[in-house]
Amino acid sequence: MQNRILRRHEVESQIGLSRSSTYQMMSDGDFPLPIKLGKRAVGWREQDLNEWLSNRVSSVRRRGKT
């Protein structure tokens, strides 16, 4: 499995949430933190996002809300 680094616009597209929602969830500890790529650039490991999405789907299914 290739471990790509996704930039913010790719993350927003993949998870369907806005920038502000993503950063609020990071602040709350409910979303993976990005890695620093440069002075003003961050990215997320694709594997971390896939795991986060999988866990979100699993938790919704456990509550019976597919």
N, C-alpha and C. Protein backbone atom coordinates (compact mmCIF):
# COMPACT_ATOMS: atom_id res chain seq x y z
N MET A 1 0.84 -1.17 0.00
CA MET A 1 0.00 0.00 0.00
C MET A 1 0.89 1.24 0.00
N GLN A 2 0.64 2.11 -0.95
CA GLN A 2 1.39 3.35 -1.03
C GLN A 2 0.84 4.34 -0.01
N ASN A 3 1.72 5.01 0.70
CA ASN A 3 1.28 5.97 1.71
C ASN A 3 1.45 7.38 1.18
N ARG A 4 0.41 7.87 0.51
CA ARG A 4 0.43 9.21 -0.07
C ARG A 4 0.17 10.26 1.01
N ILE A 5 0.63 11.46 0.74
CA ILE A 5 0.34 12.61 1.58
C ILE A 5 -0.69 13.45 0.83
N LEU A 6 -1.79 13.73 1.48
CA LEU A 6 -2.86 14.49 0.85
C LEU A 6 -2.86 15.92 1.40
N ARG A 7 -3.01 16.87 0.52
CA ARG A 7 -3.11 18.26 0.92
C ARG A 7 -4.55 18.57 1.31
N ARG A 8 -4.76 19.73 1.92
CA ARG A 8 -6.06 20.07 2.50
C ARG A 8 -7.21 19.96 1.51
N HIS A 9 -7.06 20.47 0.30
CA HIS A 9 -8.17 20.42 -0.66
C HIS A 9 -8.54 18.98 -1.01
N GLU A 10 -7.55 18.08 -1.06
CA GLU A 10 -7.83 16.67 -1.33
C GLU A 10 -8.55 16.03 -0.14
N VAL A 11 -8.13 16.42 1.07
CA VAL A 11 -8.78 15.90 2.28
C VAL A 11 -10.23 16.32 2.32
N GLU A 12 -10.49 17.60 2.08
CA GLU A 12 -11.87 18.11 2.09
C GLU A 12 -12.73 17.38 1.07
N SER A 13 -12.18 17.14 -0.10
CA SER A 13 -12.91 16.43 -1.14
C SER A 13 -13.20 14.98 -0.74
N GLN A 14 -12.22 14.33 -0.11
CA GLN A 14 -12.37 12.93 0.26
C GLN A 14 -13.37 12.73 1.40
N ILE A 15 -13.35 13.62 2.39
CA ILE A 15 -14.21 13.41 3.55
C ILE A 15 -15.51 14.19 3.50
N GLY A 16 -15.61 15.17 2.60
CA GLY A 16 -16.85 15.91 2.43
C GLY A 16 -17.13 16.94 3.51
N LEU A 17 -16.09 17.38 4.20
CA LEU A 17 -16.25 18.40 5.24
C LEU A 17 -15.46 19.65 4.87
N SER A 18 -15.88 20.78 5.40
CA SER A 18 -15.20 22.04 5.12
C SER A 18 -13.91 22.17 5.93
N ARG A 19 -13.13 23.16 5.56
CA ARG A 19 -11.87 23.45 6.27
C ARG A 19 -12.14 23.73 7.74
N SER A 20 -13.13 24.57 8.03
CA SER A 20 -13.40 24.92 9.42
C SER A 20 -13.87 23.71 10.22
N SER A 21 -14.67 22.86 9.63
CA SER A 21 -15.13 21.66 10.33
C SER A 21 -13.96 20.72 10.61
N THR A 22 -13.08 20.58 9.63
CA THR A 22 -11.91 19.71 9.80
C THR A 22 -11.03 20.21 10.94
N TYR A 23 -10.73 21.50 10.94
CA TYR A 23 -9.85 22.05 11.98
C TYR A 23 -10.52 22.03 13.36
N GLN A 24 -11.84 22.21 13.41
CA GLN A 24 -12.54 22.11 14.69
C GLN A 24 -12.46 20.69 15.22
N MET A 25 -12.63 19.70 14.35
CA MET A 25 -12.54 18.30 14.77
C MET A 25 -11.13 17.96 15.24
N MET A 26 -10.10 18.53 14.58
CA MET A 26 -8.72 18.31 15.04
C MET A 26 -8.54 18.90 16.43
N SER A 27 -9.10 20.08 16.65
CA SER A 27 -9.01 20.74 17.95
C SER A 27 -9.68 19.91 19.03
N ASP A 28 -10.77 19.26 18.67
CA ASP A 28 -11.52 18.41 19.62
C ASP A 28 -10.90 17.03 19.79
N GLY A 29 -9.88 16.72 18.99
CA GLY A 29 -9.24 15.41 19.06
C GLY A 29 -9.98 14.33 18.29
N ASP A 30 -10.87 14.74 17.38
CA ASP A 30 -11.70 13.79 16.63
C ASP A 30 -11.27 13.60 15.18
N PHE A 31 -10.11 14.11 14.81
CA PHE A 31 -9.63 13.99 13.43
C PHE A 31 -8.12 13.91 13.46
N PRO A 32 -7.53 13.13 12.55
CA PRO A 32 -6.06 13.00 12.54
C PRO A 32 -5.37 14.35 12.34
N LEU A 33 -4.27 14.53 13.03
CA LEU A 33 -3.49 15.75 12.89
C LEU A 33 -2.62 15.65 11.63
N PRO A 34 -2.40 16.78 10.98
CA PRO A 34 -1.55 16.78 9.78
C PRO A 34 -0.08 16.70 10.16
N ILE A 35 0.73 16.40 9.17
CA ILE A 35 2.17 16.46 9.36
C ILE A 35 2.67 17.72 8.66
N LYS A 36 3.68 18.31 9.23
CA LYS A 36 4.24 19.53 8.67
C LYS A 36 5.14 19.18 7.49
N LEU A 37 4.88 19.81 6.35
CA LEU A 37 5.64 19.56 5.14
C LEU A 37 6.65 20.67 4.86
N GLY A 38 6.38 21.82 5.37
CA GLY A 38 7.23 22.99 5.17
C GLY A 38 6.80 24.09 6.11
N LYS A 39 7.31 25.29 5.90
CA LYS A 39 6.97 26.40 6.79
C LYS A 39 5.47 26.69 6.81
N ARG A 40 4.85 26.60 5.66
CA ARG A 40 3.43 26.94 5.57
C ARG A 40 2.62 25.85 4.89
N ALA A 41 3.09 24.64 4.94
CA ALA A 41 2.40 23.54 4.25
C ALA A 41 2.25 22.34 5.18
N VAL A 42 1.04 21.79 5.18
CA VAL A 42 0.78 20.57 5.94
C VAL A 42 0.09 19.57 5.01
N GLY A 43 0.09 18.33 5.43
CA GLY A 43 -0.60 17.28 4.70
C GLY A 43 -0.99 16.16 5.64
N TRP A 44 -1.89 15.34 5.18
CA TRP A 44 -2.37 14.20 5.97
C TRP A 44 -1.97 12.92 5.27
N ARG A 45 -1.58 11.93 6.05
CA ARG A 45 -1.29 10.62 5.49
C ARG A 45 -2.60 9.99 5.04
N GLU A 46 -2.64 9.52 3.82
CA GLU A 46 -3.85 8.90 3.27
C GLU A 46 -4.30 7.73 4.14
N GLN A 47 -3.36 6.96 4.67
CA GLN A 47 -3.69 5.83 5.52
C GLN A 47 -4.44 6.29 6.78
N ASP A 48 -4.00 7.39 7.38
CA ASP A 48 -4.67 7.91 8.58
C ASP A 48 -6.11 8.31 8.27
N LEU A 49 -6.32 8.95 7.12
CA LEU A 49 -7.67 9.36 6.74
C LEU A 49 -8.56 8.15 6.45
N ASN A 50 -8.00 7.15 5.77
CA ASN A 50 -8.78 5.94 5.49
C ASN A 50 -9.19 5.23 6.78
N GLU A 51 -8.29 5.17 7.75
CA GLU A 51 -8.61 4.57 9.05
C GLU A 51 -9.68 5.38 9.77
N TRP A 52 -9.57 6.71 9.72
CA TRP A 52 -10.55 7.58 10.37
C TRP A 52 -11.93 7.36 9.75
N LEU A 53 -11.99 7.34 8.40
CA LEU A 53 -13.26 7.12 7.72
C LEU A 53 -13.86 5.75 8.07
N SER A 54 -13.02 4.73 8.10
CA SER A 54 -13.48 3.39 8.44
C SER A 54 -14.06 3.36 9.86
N ASN A 55 -13.38 4.01 10.78
CA ASN A 55 -13.87 4.06 12.16
C ASN A 55 -15.18 4.82 12.27
N ARG A 56 -15.34 5.90 11.50
CA ARG A 56 -16.59 6.67 11.52
C ARG A 56 -17.74 5.81 11.01
N VAL A 57 -17.52 5.09 9.92
CA VAL A 57 -18.56 4.23 9.36
C VAL A 57 -18.92 3.14 10.35
N SER A 58 -17.91 2.54 10.98
CA SER A 58 -18.16 1.47 11.95
C SER A 58 -18.97 1.97 13.14
N SER A 59 -18.65 3.17 13.64
CA SER A 59 -19.36 3.68 14.80
C SER A 59 -20.81 4.01 14.47
N VAL A 60 -21.06 4.48 13.27
CA VAL A 60 -22.44 4.77 12.84
C VAL A 60 -23.22 3.48 12.71
N ARG A 61 -22.60 2.46 12.14
CA ARG A 61 -23.29 1.18 11.98
C ARG A 61 -23.59 0.53 13.32
N ARG A 62 -22.68 0.68 14.30
CA ARG A 62 -22.93 0.11 15.63
C ARG A 62 -24.14 0.78 16.28
N ARG A 63 -24.34 2.05 15.99
CA ARG A 63 -25.50 2.75 16.56
C ARG A 63 -26.77 2.46 15.78
N GLY A 64 -26.64 1.76 14.65
CA GLY A 64 -27.81 1.38 13.87
C GLY A 64 -28.29 2.45 12.93
N LYS A 65 -27.39 3.40 12.58
CA LYS A 65 -27.77 4.48 11.68
C LYS A 65 -26.93 4.43 10.43
N THR A 66 -27.25 3.53 9.52
CA THR A 66 -26.47 3.38 8.29
C THR A 66 -26.74 4.45 7.37
